[in-house]
Amino acid sequence: MQNNGACRTIGSYNYETDANGWPLISECNKVPFFKYYTTAESLQIWEALYTNSAPFNLRDKFVAYWDVVAQKFAKNRWVMGFDPINEPFPSGFMDDYSILQPGGMDQK
């Protein structure tokens, strides 16, 4: 399915960058933040997290990281919980729009 230009790369914004090649915050603030969720890079990271595919096995690393954080704060009486994925974003919706239907992401 053709995405009609809906998915952009972060590079397509042609932002001024710092010495490390990262876009300047002042540049990033030119566009509402939520639009960056649909960049190819963001969608690829979400897909890697959800599928846990080799060679990176990102989900395994994500869980291992939060396991360490949880162990660190487990007995802290001031911490009652944490939210490791605030506002998860669906990946693959450019190819399968059913993901965006109510319950679609949960079923996939």
C-alpha atoms as a PDB file:
ATOM      1  CA  MET A   1       0.000   0.000   0.000  1.00  0.00           C
ATOM      2  CA  GLN A   2       1.351   3.405  -0.924  1.00  0.00           C
ATOM      3  CA  ASN A   3       1.651   5.853   1.976  1.00  0.00           C
ATOM      4  CA  ASN A   4       1.259   9.024  -0.135  1.00  0.00           C
ATOM      5  CA  GLY A   5       4.179  10.773   1.549  1.00  0.00           C
ATOM      6  CA  ALA A   6       2.774  10.437   5.072  1.00  0.00           C
ATOM      7  CA  CYS A   7       5.980   8.893   6.389  1.00  0.00           C
ATOM      8  CA  ARG A   8       9.055  11.131   6.387  1.00  0.00           C
ATOM      9  CA  THR A   9      12.587  10.644   7.584  1.00  0.00           C
ATOM     10  CA  ILE A  10      13.916  12.955  10.257  1.00  0.00           C
ATOM     11  CA  GLY A  11      16.498  14.076   7.689  1.00  0.00           C
ATOM     12  CA  SER A  12      13.745  15.255   5.336  1.00  0.00           C
ATOM     13  CA  TYR A  13      13.072  18.157   7.710  1.00  0.00           C
ATOM     14  CA  ASN A  14      16.509  19.548   6.756  1.00  0.00           C
ATOM     15  CA  TYR A  15      17.131  20.852  10.262  1.00  0.00           C
ATOM     16  CA  GLU A  16      20.303  22.602  11.336  1.00  0.00           C
ATOM     17  CA  THR A  17      22.361  20.208  13.459  1.00  0.00           C
ATOM     18  CA  ASP A  18      24.906  20.380  16.249  1.00  0.00           C
ATOM     19  CA  ALA A  19      28.505  19.102  16.144  1.00  0.00           C
ATOM     20  CA  ASN A  20      27.260  15.534  16.688  1.00  0.00           C
ATOM     21  CA  GLY A  21      24.828  15.731  13.785  1.00  0.00           C
ATOM     22  CA  TRP A  22      21.748  15.898  16.020  1.00  0.00           C
ATOM     23  CA  PRO A  23      18.986  18.362  15.098  1.00  0.00           C
ATOM     24  CA  LEU A  24      18.967  21.494  17.252  1.00  0.00           C
ATOM     25  CA  ILE A  25      16.126  21.719  19.782  1.00  0.00           C
ATOM     26  CA  SER A  26      15.153  25.084  18.321  1.00  0.00           C
ATOM     27  CA  GLU A  27      14.722  23.366  14.957  1.00  0.00           C
ATOM     28  CA  CYS A  28      12.746  20.444  16.409  1.00  0.00           C
ATOM     29  CA  ASN A  29      10.366  22.847  18.125  1.00  0.00           C
ATOM     30  CA  LYS A  30       9.232  24.131  14.723  1.00  0.00           C
ATOM     31  CA  VAL A  31       6.967  21.101  14.266  1.00  0.00           C
ATOM     32  CA  PRO A  32       4.473  19.663  16.786  1.00  0.00           C
ATOM     33  CA  PHE A  33       6.246  16.825  18.581  1.00  0.00           C
ATOM     34  CA  PHE A  34       3.653  14.156  17.753  1.00  0.00           C
ATOM     35  CA  LYS A  35       4.515  14.448  14.049  1.00  0.00           C
ATOM     36  CA  TYR A  36       7.934  12.943  14.748  1.00  0.00           C
ATOM     37  CA  TYR A  37       6.229   9.710  15.790  1.00  0.00           C
ATOM     38  CA  THR A  38       5.491   9.052  12.117  1.00  0.00           C
ATOM     39  CA  THR A  39       9.081   9.432  10.925  1.00  0.00           C
ATOM     40  CA  ALA A  40      10.586   6.326   9.382  1.00  0.00           C
ATOM     41  CA  GLU A  41      13.148   6.172  12.184  1.00  0.00           C
ATOM     42  CA  SER A  42      10.519   6.261  14.933  1.00  0.00           C
ATOM     43  CA  LEU A  43       8.356   3.641  13.237  1.00  0.00           C
ATOM     44  CA  GLN A  44      11.388   1.401  12.770  1.00  0.00           C
ATOM     45  CA  ILE A  45      12.292   1.642  16.467  1.00  0.00           C
ATOM     46  CA  TRP A  46       8.732   0.818  17.562  1.00  0.00           C
ATOM     47  CA  GLU A  47       8.688  -2.151  15.160  1.00  0.00           C
ATOM     48  CA  ALA A  48      12.020  -3.387  16.552  1.00  0.00           C
ATOM     49  CA  LEU A  49      10.634  -3.139  20.092  1.00  0.00           C
ATOM     50  CA  TYR A  50       7.401  -4.976  19.269  1.00  0.00           C
ATOM     51  CA  THR A  51       8.946  -7.734  17.153  1.00  0.00           C
ATOM     52  CA  ASN A  52      12.171  -8.209  19.168  1.00  0.00           C
ATOM     53  CA  SER A  53      13.900  -9.131  15.922  1.00  0.00           C
ATOM     54  CA  ALA A  54      17.588  -9.938  15.484  1.00  0.00           C
ATOM     55  CA  PRO A  55      20.225  -8.650  15.408  1.00  0.00           C
ATOM     56  CA  PHE A  56      19.274  -6.106  18.068  1.00  0.00           C
ATOM     57  CA  ASN A  57      16.588  -7.897  20.089  1.00  0.00           C
ATOM     58  CA  LEU A  58      15.488  -4.501  21.342  1.00  0.00           C
ATOM     59  CA  ARG A  59      12.640  -5.794  23.523  1.00  0.00           C
ATOM     60  CA  ASP A  60      15.027  -8.052  25.455  1.00  0.00           C
ATOM     61  CA  LYS A  61      17.318  -5.089  26.089  1.00  0.00           C
ATOM     62  CA  PHE A  62      14.382  -2.853  27.007  1.00  0.00           C
ATOM     63  CA  VAL A  63      13.082  -5.381  29.543  1.00  0.00           C
ATOM     64  CA  ALA A  64      16.579  -5.928  30.977  1.00  0.00           C
ATOM     65  CA  TYR A  65      17.032  -2.169  31.443  1.00  0.00           C
ATOM     66  CA  TRP A  66      13.705  -1.746  33.234  1.00  0.00           C
ATOM     67  CA  ASP A  67      14.416  -4.819  35.344  1.00  0.00           C
ATOM     68  CA  VAL A  68      17.509  -3.052  36.708  1.00  0.00           C
ATOM     69  CA  VAL A  69      15.501   0.134  37.328  1.00  0.00           C
ATOM     70  CA  ALA A  70      12.764  -1.846  39.098  1.00  0.00           C
ATOM     71  CA  GLN A  71      15.284  -3.624  41.320  1.00  0.00           C
ATOM     72  CA  LYS A  72      16.865  -0.296  42.251  1.00  0.00           C
ATOM     73  CA  PHE A  73      13.580   1.256  43.365  1.00  0.00           C
ATOM     74  CA  ALA A  74      11.673  -1.864  44.520  1.00  0.00           C
ATOM     75  CA  LYS A  75      12.027  -1.103  48.222  1.00  0.00           C
ATOM     76  CA  ASN A  76      11.745   2.663  47.980  1.00  0.00           C
ATOM     77  CA  ARG A  77       8.588   3.550  49.884  1.00  0.00           C
ATOM     78  CA  TRP A  78       8.140   6.708  47.797  1.00  0.00           C
ATOM     79  CA  VAL A  79       7.898   4.827  44.495  1.00  0.00           C
ATOM     80  CA  MET A  80       4.605   3.093  43.830  1.00  0.00           C
ATOM     81  CA  GLY A  81       5.145   2.234  40.177  1.00  0.00           C
ATOM     82  CA  PHE A  82       6.559   3.334  36.837  1.00  0.00           C
ATOM     83  CA  ASP A  83       5.387   3.458  33.252  1.00  0.00           C
ATOM     84  CA  PRO A  84       8.108   2.162  30.928  1.00  0.00           C
ATOM     85  CA  ILE A  85       6.093   2.830  27.771  1.00  0.00           C
ATOM     86  CA  ASN A  86       4.103   6.024  28.048  1.00  0.00           C
ATOM     87  CA  GLU A  87       1.821   6.340  25.040  1.00  0.00           C
ATOM     88  CA  PRO A  88       2.980   3.358  22.950  1.00  0.00           C
ATOM     89  CA  PHE A  89       2.778   4.072  19.262  1.00  0.00           C
ATOM     90  CA  PRO A  90       1.657   1.529  16.678  1.00  0.00           C
ATOM     91  CA  SER A  91       4.161   0.461  14.070  1.00  0.00           C
ATOM     92  CA  GLY A  92       3.283  -1.005  10.708  1.00  0.00           C
ATOM     93  CA  PHE A  93       0.109   1.038  10.267  1.00  0.00           C
ATOM     94  CA  MET A  94       1.352   2.344   6.918  1.00  0.00           C
ATOM     95  CA  ASP A  95       1.014  -1.215   5.597  1.00  0.00           C
ATOM     96  CA  ASP A  96      -1.929  -2.353   7.734  1.00  0.00           C
ATOM     97  CA  TYR A  97      -4.422   0.365   8.627  1.00  0.00           C
ATOM     98  CA  SER A  98      -6.465  -2.079  10.732  1.00  0.00           C
ATOM     99  CA  ILE A  99      -3.900  -1.439  13.484  1.00  0.00           C
ATOM    100  CA  LEU A 100      -5.417   2.024  13.893  1.00  0.00           C
ATOM    101  CA  GLN A 101      -8.942   0.675  14.416  1.00  0.00           C
ATOM    102  CA  PRO A 102     -10.164   0.368  18.027  1.00  0.00           C
ATOM    103  CA  GLY A 103      -8.475  -2.694  19.502  1.00  0.00           C
ATOM    104  CA  GLY A 104      -6.441  -3.275  16.330  1.00  0.00           C
ATOM    105  CA  MET A 105      -3.032  -2.726  17.877  1.00  0.00           C
ATOM    106  CA  ASP A 106      -3.928  -4.902  20.865  1.00  0.00           C
ATOM    107  CA  GLN A 107      -4.929  -7.764  18.581  1.00  0.00           C
ATOM    108  CA  LYS A 108      -1.791  -7.510  16.421  1.00  0.00           C
END
